[in-house]
């Protein structure tokens, strides 16, 4: 009798979101995941526990942005460092551009 196909992408989505915990997975699923990721069970458990914790603490779409403090780029590269805090600009729109 052959094993049913395991949708590892769905398993990973469930683990990432925290809807499922690694300890709740069946043996064949943990073996398939271990084989696919090249990690042992403890490493996989730690990986997804950390990812689920980050997801629980992440800002939600449509929710308030967390405050942060960034160093401003100096176009003249004078060495003078200026900082910008998000909460200093609550009275106007703010656009963040990430790139290199």
N, C-alpha and C. Protein backbone atom coordinates (compact mmCIF):
# COMPACT_ATOMS: atom_id res chain seq x y z
N UNK A 1 0.84 -1.18 0.00
CA UNK A 1 0.00 0.00 0.00
C UNK A 1 0.88 1.24 0.00
N UNK A 2 0.64 2.18 -0.88
CA UNK A 2 1.48 3.37 -0.99
C UNK A 2 1.02 4.46 -0.03
N UNK A 3 1.97 5.30 0.33
CA UNK A 3 1.67 6.44 1.20
C UNK A 3 0.90 7.50 0.41
N UNK A 4 -0.07 8.17 1.04
CA UNK A 4 -0.75 9.26 0.34
C UNK A 4 0.21 10.41 0.11
N UNK A 5 -0.03 11.16 -0.95
CA UNK A 5 0.81 12.33 -1.23
C UNK A 5 0.66 13.34 -0.10
N UNK A 6 1.78 13.92 0.31
CA UNK A 6 1.79 14.91 1.38
C UNK A 6 2.07 16.26 0.75
N UNK A 7 1.19 17.21 0.98
CA UNK A 7 1.38 18.57 0.48
C UNK A 7 2.27 19.33 1.46
N UNK A 8 3.58 19.25 1.24
CA UNK A 8 4.53 19.88 2.16
C UNK A 8 4.40 21.40 2.17
N UNK A 9 3.99 21.98 1.08
CA UNK A 9 3.80 23.43 1.04
C UNK A 9 2.68 23.85 2.00
N UNK A 10 1.61 23.07 2.02
CA UNK A 10 0.51 23.36 2.95
C UNK A 10 0.96 23.13 4.40
N UNK A 11 1.71 22.08 4.63
CA UNK A 11 2.23 21.81 5.97
C UNK A 11 3.09 22.98 6.44
N UNK A 12 3.96 23.46 5.56
CA UNK A 12 4.84 24.59 5.91
C UNK A 12 4.02 25.84 6.18
N UNK A 13 2.98 26.11 5.37
CA UNK A 13 2.12 27.27 5.62
C UNK A 13 1.45 27.17 6.99
N UNK A 14 0.98 25.98 7.33
CA UNK A 14 0.34 25.77 8.63
C UNK A 14 1.34 25.97 9.78
N UNK A 15 2.55 25.48 9.60
CA UNK A 15 3.58 25.66 10.64
C UNK A 15 3.99 27.13 10.75
N UNK A 16 4.17 27.79 9.61
CA UNK A 16 4.55 29.20 9.60
C UNK A 16 3.54 30.08 10.32
N UNK A 17 2.28 29.78 10.10
CA UNK A 17 1.23 30.62 10.67
C UNK A 17 0.99 30.34 12.14
N UNK A 18 1.49 29.21 12.62
CA UNK A 18 1.25 28.83 14.00
C UNK A 18 -0.07 28.08 14.18
N UNK A 19 -0.80 27.84 13.07
CA UNK A 19 -2.06 27.10 13.17
C UNK A 19 -1.82 25.64 13.53
N UNK A 20 -0.63 25.14 13.19
CA UNK A 20 -0.24 23.77 13.51
C UNK A 20 1.13 23.82 14.17
N UNK A 21 1.36 22.94 15.12
CA UNK A 21 2.66 22.85 15.77
C UNK A 21 3.35 21.57 15.29
N UNK A 22 4.65 21.62 15.21
CA UNK A 22 5.43 20.50 14.70
C UNK A 22 5.10 19.20 15.45
N UNK A 23 4.88 19.28 16.75
CA UNK A 23 4.61 18.08 17.54
C UNK A 23 3.29 17.41 17.17
N UNK A 24 2.41 18.10 16.48
CA UNK A 24 1.12 17.54 16.08
C UNK A 24 1.17 16.81 14.73
N UNK A 25 2.30 16.89 14.05
CA UNK A 25 2.42 16.25 12.74
C UNK A 25 2.62 14.75 12.90
N UNK A 26 2.14 13.99 11.94
CA UNK A 26 2.32 12.54 11.96
C UNK A 26 3.76 12.19 11.57
N UNK A 27 4.14 10.97 11.88
CA UNK A 27 5.50 10.49 11.57
C UNK A 27 5.86 10.61 10.10
N UNK A 28 4.99 10.15 9.18
CA UNK A 28 5.34 10.28 7.76
C UNK A 28 5.51 11.73 7.31
N UNK A 29 4.72 12.63 7.89
CA UNK A 29 4.84 14.05 7.51
C UNK A 29 6.16 14.62 8.03
N UNK A 30 6.51 14.31 9.27
CA UNK A 30 7.79 14.83 9.81
C UNK A 30 8.97 14.24 9.04
N UNK A 31 8.87 12.97 8.64
CA UNK A 31 9.95 12.36 7.85
C UNK A 31 10.08 13.02 6.49
N UNK A 32 8.95 13.28 5.83
CA UNK A 32 8.97 13.92 4.52
C UNK A 32 9.53 15.34 4.63
N UNK A 33 9.12 16.04 5.68
CA UNK A 33 9.60 17.41 5.89
C UNK A 33 11.10 17.41 6.17
N UNK A 34 11.55 16.49 7.00
CA UNK A 34 12.96 16.38 7.32
C UNK A 34 13.78 16.08 6.07
N UNK A 35 13.29 15.17 5.25
CA UNK A 35 13.98 14.82 4.01
C UNK A 35 14.03 16.02 3.06
N UNK A 36 12.90 16.70 2.91
CA UNK A 36 12.81 17.84 1.98
C UNK A 36 13.70 19.00 2.41
N UNK A 37 13.72 19.30 3.73
CA UNK A 37 14.49 20.44 4.23
C UNK A 37 15.93 20.09 4.57
N UNK A 38 16.24 18.81 4.67
CA UNK A 38 17.59 18.40 5.01
C UNK A 38 17.95 18.73 6.46
N UNK A 39 16.96 18.71 7.34
CA UNK A 39 17.16 19.05 8.75
C UNK A 39 16.60 17.94 9.62
N UNK A 40 17.15 17.79 10.83
CA UNK A 40 16.57 16.82 11.75
C UNK A 40 15.35 17.43 12.44
N UNK A 41 14.62 16.61 13.17
CA UNK A 41 13.36 17.03 13.78
C UNK A 41 13.52 18.22 14.71
N UNK A 42 14.56 18.22 15.53
CA UNK A 42 14.76 19.33 16.48
C UNK A 42 15.02 20.64 15.76
N UNK A 43 15.81 20.60 14.69
CA UNK A 43 16.10 21.82 13.92
C UNK A 43 14.83 22.35 13.25
N UNK A 44 14.00 21.44 12.73
CA UNK A 44 12.75 21.87 12.10
C UNK A 44 11.81 22.46 13.15
N UNK A 45 11.70 21.83 14.31
CA UNK A 45 10.84 22.34 15.38
C UNK A 45 11.29 23.76 15.77
N UNK A 46 12.59 23.94 15.98
CA UNK A 46 13.11 25.26 16.37
C UNK A 46 12.85 26.30 15.27
N UNK A 47 13.07 25.91 14.03
CA UNK A 47 12.85 26.82 12.90
C UNK A 47 11.41 27.34 12.87
N UNK A 48 10.46 26.43 12.94
CA UNK A 48 9.06 26.86 12.83
C UNK A 48 8.52 27.48 14.11
N UNK A 49 9.04 27.08 15.26
CA UNK A 49 8.65 27.76 16.50
C UNK A 49 9.07 29.22 16.44
N UNK A 50 10.30 29.47 15.97
CA UNK A 50 10.79 30.86 15.85
C UNK A 50 9.98 31.64 14.82
N UNK A 51 9.68 31.02 13.69
CA UNK A 51 8.92 31.71 12.65
C UNK A 51 7.50 32.01 13.12
N UNK A 52 6.87 31.08 13.81
CA UNK A 52 5.51 31.30 14.31
C UNK A 52 5.50 32.42 15.35
N UNK A 53 6.53 32.47 16.20
CA UNK A 53 6.61 33.54 17.20
C UNK A 53 6.77 34.90 16.53
N UNK A 54 7.61 34.98 15.49
CA UNK A 54 7.76 36.24 14.75
C UNK A 54 6.43 36.64 14.11
N UNK A 55 5.72 35.67 13.56
CA UNK A 55 4.43 35.96 12.90
C UNK A 55 3.41 36.49 13.91
N UNK A 56 3.38 35.91 15.11
CA UNK A 56 2.44 36.38 16.14
C UNK A 56 2.73 37.82 16.54
N UNK A 57 4.00 38.22 16.50
CA UNK A 57 4.39 39.57 16.93
C UNK A 57 4.48 40.57 15.79
N UNK A 58 4.25 40.13 14.56
CA UNK A 58 4.37 41.03 13.40
C UNK A 58 3.17 41.97 13.33
N UNK A 59 3.37 43.18 12.81
CA UNK A 59 2.25 44.11 12.61
C UNK A 59 1.26 43.51 11.61
N UNK A 60 0.00 43.80 11.78
CA UNK A 60 -1.05 43.30 10.91
C UNK A 60 -1.37 44.32 9.82
N UNK A 61 -1.74 43.83 8.66
CA UNK A 61 -2.15 44.69 7.56
C UNK A 61 -3.31 45.57 8.02
N UNK A 62 -3.18 46.87 7.77
CA UNK A 62 -4.22 47.81 8.17
C UNK A 62 -4.08 48.30 9.59
N UNK A 63 -3.18 47.69 10.35
CA UNK A 63 -2.96 48.10 11.73
C UNK A 63 -1.92 49.21 11.79
N UNK A 64 -1.69 49.73 12.98
CA UNK A 64 -0.69 50.80 13.11
C UNK A 64 0.73 50.26 12.88
N UNK A 65 1.54 51.07 12.26
CA UNK A 65 2.94 50.71 12.06
C UNK A 65 3.69 50.85 13.37
N UNK A 66 4.64 49.98 13.62
CA UNK A 66 5.44 50.13 14.84
C UNK A 66 6.38 51.33 14.70
N UNK A 67 6.68 51.95 15.82
CA UNK A 67 7.63 53.05 15.79
C UNK A 67 9.01 52.50 15.47
N UNK A 68 9.80 53.26 14.78
CA UNK A 68 11.18 52.87 14.52
C UNK A 68 12.02 54.12 14.38
N UNK A 69 13.31 53.94 14.48
CA UNK A 69 14.28 55.02 14.46
C UNK A 69 15.34 54.64 13.44
N UNK A 70 15.50 55.45 12.39
CA UNK A 70 16.44 55.14 11.31
C UNK A 70 17.49 56.23 11.15
N UNK A 71 18.65 55.81 10.71
CA UNK A 71 19.68 56.77 10.38
C UNK A 71 19.42 57.28 8.97
N UNK A 72 19.45 58.60 8.78
CA UNK A 72 19.23 59.19 7.47
C UNK A 72 20.51 59.12 6.65
N UNK A 73 20.34 58.92 5.37
CA UNK A 73 21.50 58.93 4.49
C UNK A 73 22.00 60.35 4.31
N UNK A 74 23.30 60.51 4.30
CA UNK A 74 23.92 61.81 4.13
C UNK A 74 24.44 61.92 2.70
N UNK A 75 23.79 62.74 1.84
CA UNK A 75 24.22 62.80 0.44
C UNK A 75 25.65 63.30 0.27
N UNK A 76 26.13 64.15 1.18
CA UNK A 76 27.51 64.65 1.07
C UNK A 76 28.49 63.73 1.79
N UNK A 77 28.00 62.70 2.48
CA UNK A 77 28.85 61.77 3.22
C UNK A 77 29.80 62.51 4.15
N UNK A 78 29.23 63.49 4.88
CA UNK A 78 30.05 64.31 5.78
C UNK A 78 30.36 63.60 7.09
N UNK A 79 29.73 62.47 7.33
CA UNK A 79 29.97 61.75 8.57
C UNK A 79 29.02 62.16 9.68
N UNK A 80 28.28 63.25 9.46
CA UNK A 80 27.31 63.69 10.47
C UNK A 80 26.10 62.77 10.38
N UNK A 81 25.71 62.21 11.49
CA UNK A 81 24.61 61.26 11.52
C UNK A 81 23.34 61.93 12.03
N UNK A 82 22.27 61.81 11.25
CA UNK A 82 20.96 62.30 11.68
C UNK A 82 20.03 61.11 11.76
N UNK A 83 19.07 61.17 12.66
CA UNK A 83 18.12 60.08 12.85
C UNK A 83 16.71 60.58 12.59
N UNK A 84 15.86 59.68 12.17
CA UNK A 84 14.45 59.99 11.90
C UNK A 84 13.60 58.95 12.60
N UNK A 85 12.59 59.42 13.34
CA UNK A 85 11.70 58.52 14.06
C UNK A 85 10.31 58.62 13.43
N UNK A 86 9.68 57.48 13.20
CA UNK A 86 8.37 57.46 12.56
C UNK A 86 7.36 58.30 13.33
N UNK A 87 7.30 58.18 14.63
CA UNK A 87 6.29 58.90 15.41
C UNK A 87 6.48 60.41 15.39
N UNK A 88 7.62 60.90 14.90
CA UNK A 88 7.82 62.34 14.74
C UNK A 88 7.07 62.88 13.53
N UNK A 89 6.48 61.99 12.72
CA UNK A 89 5.84 62.39 11.46
C UNK A 89 4.40 61.90 11.38
N UNK A 90 3.72 61.79 12.50
CA UNK A 90 2.35 61.27 12.50
C UNK A 90 1.36 62.22 11.85
N UNK A 91 1.72 63.49 11.70
CA UNK A 91 0.79 64.46 11.14
C UNK A 91 0.85 64.56 9.62
N UNK A 92 1.66 63.74 8.98
CA UNK A 92 1.78 63.79 7.52
C UNK A 92 2.07 62.39 6.96
N UNK A 93 1.79 62.18 5.68
CA UNK A 93 2.07 60.87 5.08
C UNK A 93 3.56 60.57 5.08
N UNK A 94 3.89 59.33 5.21
CA UNK A 94 5.29 58.87 5.21
C UNK A 94 5.42 57.76 4.16
N UNK A 95 6.42 57.86 3.32
CA UNK A 95 6.70 56.81 2.33
C UNK A 95 8.06 56.23 2.66
N UNK A 96 8.14 54.92 2.71
CA UNK A 96 9.40 54.23 2.96
C UNK A 96 9.83 53.58 1.66
N UNK A 97 11.07 53.83 1.26
CA UNK A 97 11.60 53.26 0.05
C UNK A 97 12.81 52.41 0.43
N UNK A 98 12.70 51.12 0.19
CA UNK A 98 13.80 50.21 0.50
C UNK A 98 14.49 49.83 -0.79
N UNK A 99 15.77 49.80 -0.77
CA UNK A 99 16.52 49.43 -1.95
C UNK A 99 17.99 49.67 -1.75
N UNK A 100 18.73 49.48 -2.80
CA UNK A 100 20.17 49.70 -2.70
C UNK A 100 20.63 50.56 -3.87
